Amino acid sequence: MIVRKSKVEIEKMRRAGQVVADVHKELRDVLKPGMSTLDLDRLAEARVRKAGAIPTFKGYHAGKTTAFPATLCVSINEEVVHGIPSATRILKEGDIIAIDCGATLDGFVGDSAQTLIVGKTTDEIRLLVERTRESLYRGIAQCFPDNRIGDIGHAVESFAKSFGYGVVEDYCGHGVGKRLHEEPQVPNYGLPGTGKRLKSGWAIAIEPMVNLGTKDTIELDDEWTVITADRKPSAHWEHSIAITDDGPMILTSRGDDPPGPWARSSFAMV
């Protein structure tokens, strides 16, 4: 069942989303070669708890035999999603790092991811990161009432595939609210005009995962870390979105969104 949120509930989600946004801004500012992924995780957890929130991912099971042990999912280079922070994973010049963070505040979840470049990298990798981010906003731009889930996926997929990238199909976006994962599922592929019709009051997380090579993935033995099947780099971007009568409201905005229909969205919901 898809749970529609009230104006009050969406405002609570926006506050949770801003906790996550603040974490992302801090990590973006401090990221440098020589840091461990555990260093990033400790900074993130301290920031989340200082805001009075709870790290959503920490202790999350998702049907696994072991709970996720950290505040962040930190995925480097060929890792697509769900990388586990570690003191032995040291960042080096040219790495790309996908950081996914969730925070629960006042009973509601904020969930967002960004992919950052450590120092300098090749134009090929830089463009992968930039274009994956662009594919996210193309998906968000479809989030108007009476559009369909397939419109979101098609917008993401058609843009990313125009550059020959692999768009991950094994993992997808999702509804978000009092729980991290709610209905509906939001794939990063699809046909326009298909799927469930979007409704004002829905809250969803859109999260393109785009690979330099194949779309295929492999889950490692730790039951969490997912890598590209061909070991080529992957990028991951995500925002939590509320659908309003005026269009999409980005609940996890870091203040650096490009111009788009989200700039004029409001709480005008039925």
Protein backbone atom coordinates (compact mmCIF):
# COMPACT_ATOMS: atom_id res chain seq x y z
CA MET A 1 0.00 0.00 0.00
CA ILE A 2 1.25 3.48 -0.89
CA VAL A 3 0.93 5.88 2.05
CA ARG A 4 0.11 9.47 1.15
CA LYS A 5 1.62 12.06 3.48
CA SER A 6 -0.05 15.14 4.93
CA LYS A 7 1.47 18.62 4.83
CA VAL A 8 2.62 18.16 8.43
CA GLU A 9 4.22 14.80 7.66
CA ILE A 10 6.01 16.15 4.59
CA GLU A 11 7.38 19.00 6.66
CA LYS A 12 8.74 16.43 9.12
CA MET A 13 10.30 14.56 6.21
CA ARG A 14 11.85 17.79 4.97
CA ARG A 15 13.47 18.31 8.37
CA ALA A 16 14.85 14.77 8.34
CA GLY A 17 16.02 15.36 4.81
CA GLN A 18 17.89 18.48 5.84
CA VAL A 19 19.80 16.48 8.46
CA VAL A 20 20.95 14.21 5.65
CA ALA A 21 21.73 17.19 3.41
CA ASP A 22 23.91 18.73 6.13
CA VAL A 23 25.84 15.45 6.46
CA HIS A 24 26.46 15.38 2.72
CA LYS A 25 27.67 18.98 2.67
CA GLU A 26 30.12 18.33 5.52
CA LEU A 27 31.49 15.18 3.91
CA ARG A 28 31.86 16.94 0.57
CA ASP A 29 33.91 19.67 2.29
CA VAL A 30 36.27 17.37 4.21
CA LEU A 31 36.79 14.60 1.64
CA LYS A 32 40.44 14.11 0.69
CA PRO A 33 42.96 11.38 -0.12
CA GLY A 34 44.19 9.49 2.92
CA MET A 35 40.86 9.39 4.74
CA SER A 36 39.29 6.04 5.49
CA THR A 37 35.65 5.31 4.77
CA LEU A 38 35.27 4.72 8.52
CA ASP A 39 36.47 8.30 9.13
CA LEU A 40 33.57 9.50 6.96
CA ASP A 41 31.11 7.26 8.76
CA ARG A 42 32.11 8.52 12.20
CA LEU A 43 31.72 12.13 11.08
CA ALA A 44 28.30 11.35 9.64
CA GLU A 45 27.03 9.56 12.73
CA ALA A 46 28.17 12.39 15.00
CA ARG A 47 26.39 14.94 12.79
CA VAL A 48 23.17 12.90 12.65
CA ARG A 49 23.02 12.37 16.41
CA LYS A 50 23.90 15.99 17.17
CA ALA A 51 20.79 16.95 15.18
CA GLY A 52 18.68 14.70 17.43
CA ALA A 53 18.21 12.13 14.68
CA ILE A 54 18.96 8.40 14.43
CA PRO A 55 21.12 6.78 11.70
CA THR A 56 18.50 4.92 9.65
CA PHE A 57 20.84 2.42 8.02
CA LYS A 58 22.58 1.27 11.21
CA GLY A 59 21.09 -2.05 12.26
CA TYR A 60 18.99 -2.35 9.10
CA HIS A 61 18.42 -5.97 8.06
CA ALA A 62 16.50 -5.96 4.75
CA GLY A 63 16.21 -9.75 4.92
CA LYS A 64 19.97 -10.26 5.35
CA THR A 65 21.50 -12.57 7.92
CA THR A 66 23.62 -9.67 9.21
CA ALA A 67 22.42 -6.14 9.93
CA PHE A 68 24.09 -3.21 8.19
CA PRO A 69 26.69 -1.95 10.69
CA ALA A 70 27.13 1.71 9.81
CA THR A 71 25.54 5.13 9.32
CA LEU A 72 26.68 5.44 5.70
CA CYS A 73 26.85 3.20 2.68
CA VAL A 74 30.20 4.12 1.11
CA SER A 75 30.89 2.61 -2.30
CA ILE A 76 34.18 3.18 -4.12
CA ASN A 77 34.83 2.95 -7.87
CA GLU A 78 33.32 -0.35 -9.12
CA GLU A 79 31.15 -0.64 -5.99
CA VAL A 80 27.59 0.30 -6.93
CA VAL A 81 25.80 0.49 -3.57
CA HIS A 82 25.88 -0.68 0.06
CA GLY A 83 29.63 -0.53 0.63
CA ILE A 84 30.47 -1.03 4.32
CA PRO A 85 32.73 1.62 5.89
CA SER A 86 36.08 0.31 7.08
CA ALA A 87 39.26 1.64 8.67
CA THR A 88 41.23 -0.21 5.99
CA ARG A 89 39.47 1.37 3.00
CA ILE A 90 41.70 4.37 2.37
CA LEU A 91 40.70 6.92 -0.26
CA LYS A 92 43.23 7.80 -2.91
CA GLU A 93 43.52 10.41 -5.63
CA GLY A 94 41.17 9.69 -8.51
CA ASP A 95 38.71 7.49 -6.61
CA ILE A 96 35.02 8.13 -7.00
CA ILE A 97 32.97 7.52 -3.90
CA ALA A 98 29.20 7.14 -3.62
CA ILE A 99 27.95 8.17 -0.17
CA ASP A 100 24.41 7.19 0.81
CA CYS A 101 22.99 8.47 4.09
CA GLY A 102 19.69 8.02 5.91
CA ALA A 103 18.47 9.79 9.05
CA THR A 104 15.27 9.33 11.04
CA LEU A 105 13.94 12.40 12.83
CA ASP A 106 10.60 12.63 14.64
CA GLY A 107 9.61 9.30 13.16
CA PHE A 108 10.30 10.13 9.49
CA VAL A 109 13.19 9.22 7.19
CA GLY A 110 15.41 11.33 4.95
CA ASP A 111 17.44 9.40 2.37
CA SER A 112 19.94 10.77 -0.13
CA ALA A 113 23.15 9.87 -1.97
CA GLN A 114 25.87 11.69 -3.85
CA THR A 115 28.94 10.60 -5.78
CA LEU A 116 32.11 12.60 -5.17
CA ILE A 117 35.51 12.60 -6.84
CA VAL A 118 38.58 12.36 -4.62
CA GLY A 119 41.01 14.91 -6.02
CA LYS A 120 41.29 14.74 -9.81
CA THR A 121 40.18 12.02 -12.20
CA THR A 122 39.77 11.40 -15.91
CA ASP A 123 37.23 13.20 -18.07
CA GLU A 124 35.52 9.85 -18.67
CA ILE A 125 34.87 9.32 -14.96
CA ARG A 126 33.96 12.96 -14.33
CA LEU A 127 31.34 12.84 -17.07
CA LEU A 128 29.90 9.60 -15.68
CA VAL A 129 29.38 11.31 -12.31
CA GLU A 130 27.94 14.49 -13.83
CA ARG A 131 25.61 12.68 -16.22
CA THR A 132 24.31 10.36 -13.51
CA ARG A 133 23.44 13.44 -11.46
CA GLU A 134 21.69 14.93 -14.48
CA SER A 135 19.71 11.71 -14.95
CA LEU A 136 18.45 12.07 -11.36
CA TYR A 137 17.07 15.53 -12.03
CA ARG A 138 15.50 14.39 -15.29
CA GLY A 139 13.65 11.77 -13.26
CA ILE A 140 12.63 14.30 -10.62
CA ALA A 141 11.25 16.58 -13.33
CA GLN A 142 8.63 13.91 -14.10
CA CYS A 143 7.21 13.99 -10.56
CA PHE A 144 3.89 15.71 -11.17
CA PRO A 145 0.52 14.30 -10.17
CA ASP A 146 -1.00 12.05 -12.86
CA ASN A 147 2.34 11.27 -14.46
CA ARG A 148 3.39 7.65 -14.05
CA ILE A 149 6.23 5.67 -12.49
CA GLY A 150 7.35 4.64 -15.98
CA ASP A 151 7.84 8.30 -16.90
CA ILE A 152 10.46 8.65 -14.17
CA GLY A 153 12.37 5.52 -15.17
CA HIS A 154 12.23 6.39 -18.86
CA ALA A 155 13.64 9.87 -18.21
CA VAL A 156 16.57 8.41 -16.25
CA GLU A 157 17.26 5.52 -18.59
CA SER A 158 16.94 7.31 -21.93
CA PHE A 159 19.39 10.03 -20.87
CA ALA A 160 22.00 7.69 -19.36
CA LYS A 161 21.83 5.16 -22.18
CA SER A 162 22.36 7.89 -24.78
CA PHE A 163 25.99 7.89 -23.61
CA GLY A 164 26.31 4.11 -23.75
CA TYR A 165 26.17 3.64 -19.97
CA GLY A 166 24.67 0.65 -18.19
CA VAL A 167 21.66 1.54 -16.05
CA VAL A 168 21.38 -0.79 -13.06
CA GLU A 169 18.11 -2.73 -12.96
CA ASP A 170 18.81 -4.98 -9.95
CA TYR A 171 18.28 -2.11 -7.49
CA CYS A 172 15.88 0.80 -7.64
CA GLY A 173 14.27 3.77 -5.92
CA HIS A 174 11.38 3.42 -3.51
CA GLY A 175 8.73 5.06 -1.43
CA VAL A 176 9.97 6.63 1.79
CA GLY A 177 8.27 7.88 4.95
CA LYS A 178 8.08 6.34 8.40
CA ARG A 179 10.09 3.47 6.97
CA LEU A 180 13.18 3.58 4.76
CA HIS A 181 11.63 1.40 2.09
CA GLU A 182 7.93 1.78 1.33
CA GLU A 183 5.81 1.27 -1.74
CA PRO A 184 6.06 2.00 -4.62
CA GLN A 185 9.23 0.73 -6.20
CA VAL A 186 10.74 3.32 -8.55
CA PRO A 187 12.93 1.65 -11.22
CA ASN A 188 15.52 3.61 -13.18
CA TYR A 189 14.12 2.24 -16.44
CA GLY A 190 10.67 2.02 -17.96
CA LEU A 191 8.25 3.05 -20.65
CA PRO A 192 6.52 6.43 -20.58
CA GLY A 193 2.85 6.30 -19.71
CA THR A 194 3.14 3.01 -17.81
CA GLY A 195 3.10 2.05 -14.15
CA LYS A 196 1.25 3.52 -11.21
CA ARG A 197 -0.12 7.05 -11.56
CA LEU A 198 1.67 9.54 -9.28
CA LYS A 199 -0.40 11.22 -6.57
CA SER A 200 0.02 14.42 -4.61
CA GLY A 201 1.24 13.49 -1.13
CA TRP A 202 3.47 10.63 -2.25
CA ALA A 203 7.07 10.66 -1.04
CA ILE A 204 9.62 8.70 -3.06
CA ALA A 205 13.38 8.32 -3.32
CA ILE A 206 14.73 8.40 -6.87
CA GLU A 207 18.25 6.97 -7.14
CA PRO A 208 19.93 6.30 -10.47
CA MET A 209 22.85 3.88 -10.36
CA VAL A 210 24.73 4.20 -13.65
CA ASN A 211 27.75 2.17 -14.72
CA LEU A 212 30.54 2.95 -17.17
CA GLY A 213 30.10 -0.55 -18.58
CA THR A 214 27.53 -3.29 -18.12
CA LYS A 215 24.32 -2.82 -16.13
CA ASP A 216 24.89 -6.19 -14.44
CA THR A 217 25.91 -6.40 -10.80
CA ILE A 218 27.27 -8.91 -8.27
CA GLU A 219 26.62 -8.99 -4.52
CA LEU A 220 29.74 -9.82 -2.52
CA ASP A 221 29.98 -12.39 0.26
CA ASP A 222 29.45 -9.75 2.95
CA GLU A 223 25.78 -9.77 1.77
CA TRP A 224 25.80 -6.01 1.31
CA THR A 225 28.42 -4.63 -1.06
CA VAL A 226 27.30 -4.65 -4.71
CA ILE A 227 29.84 -4.27 -7.53
CA THR A 228 29.66 -4.00 -11.30
CA ALA A 229 30.01 -7.38 -13.02
CA ASP A 230 32.78 -6.03 -15.27
CA ARG A 231 34.51 -4.09 -12.43
CA LYS A 232 34.08 -0.78 -14.24
CA PRO A 233 33.19 2.34 -12.21
CA SER A 234 29.67 3.21 -11.11
CA ALA A 235 28.00 6.43 -9.94
CA HIS A 236 24.97 6.82 -7.66
CA TRP A 237 22.83 9.89 -6.92
CA GLU A 238 19.61 10.05 -4.88
CA HIS A 239 17.10 12.53 -3.50
CA SER A 240 13.93 12.07 -1.48
CA ILE A 241 11.03 13.82 -3.21
CA ALA A 242 7.52 14.85 -2.18
CA ILE A 243 4.98 15.09 -4.98
CA THR A 244 2.79 18.17 -4.60
CA ASP A 245 0.09 19.70 -6.76
CA ASP A 246 2.74 22.16 -7.97
CA GLY A 247 5.29 19.45 -8.77
CA PRO A 248 8.28 17.87 -7.04
CA MET A 249 9.65 19.15 -3.74
CA ILE A 250 13.22 17.99 -3.06
CA LEU A 251 13.23 17.07 0.63
CA THR A 252 16.99 16.39 0.80
CA SER A 253 18.18 19.44 -1.18
CA ARG A 254 21.75 20.52 -0.48
CA GLY A 255 21.07 23.94 -2.02
CA ASP A 256 22.92 23.17 -5.25
CA ASP A 257 20.06 21.92 -7.41
CA PRO A 258 20.01 23.06 -11.05
CA PRO A 259 17.09 25.18 -12.26
CA GLY A 260 13.94 23.12 -12.65
CA PRO A 261 10.28 22.67 -11.75
CA TRP A 262 11.19 21.90 -8.13
CA ALA A 263 12.05 25.57 -7.60
CA ARG A 264 8.37 26.56 -7.60
CA SER A 265 6.89 23.61 -5.71
CA SER A 266 5.00 24.24 -2.47
CA PHE A 267 2.71 22.51 0.01
CA ALA A 268 -0.34 22.95 -2.27
CA MET A 269 -1.64 19.42 -1.81
CA VAL A 270 -5.09 17.94 -1.69
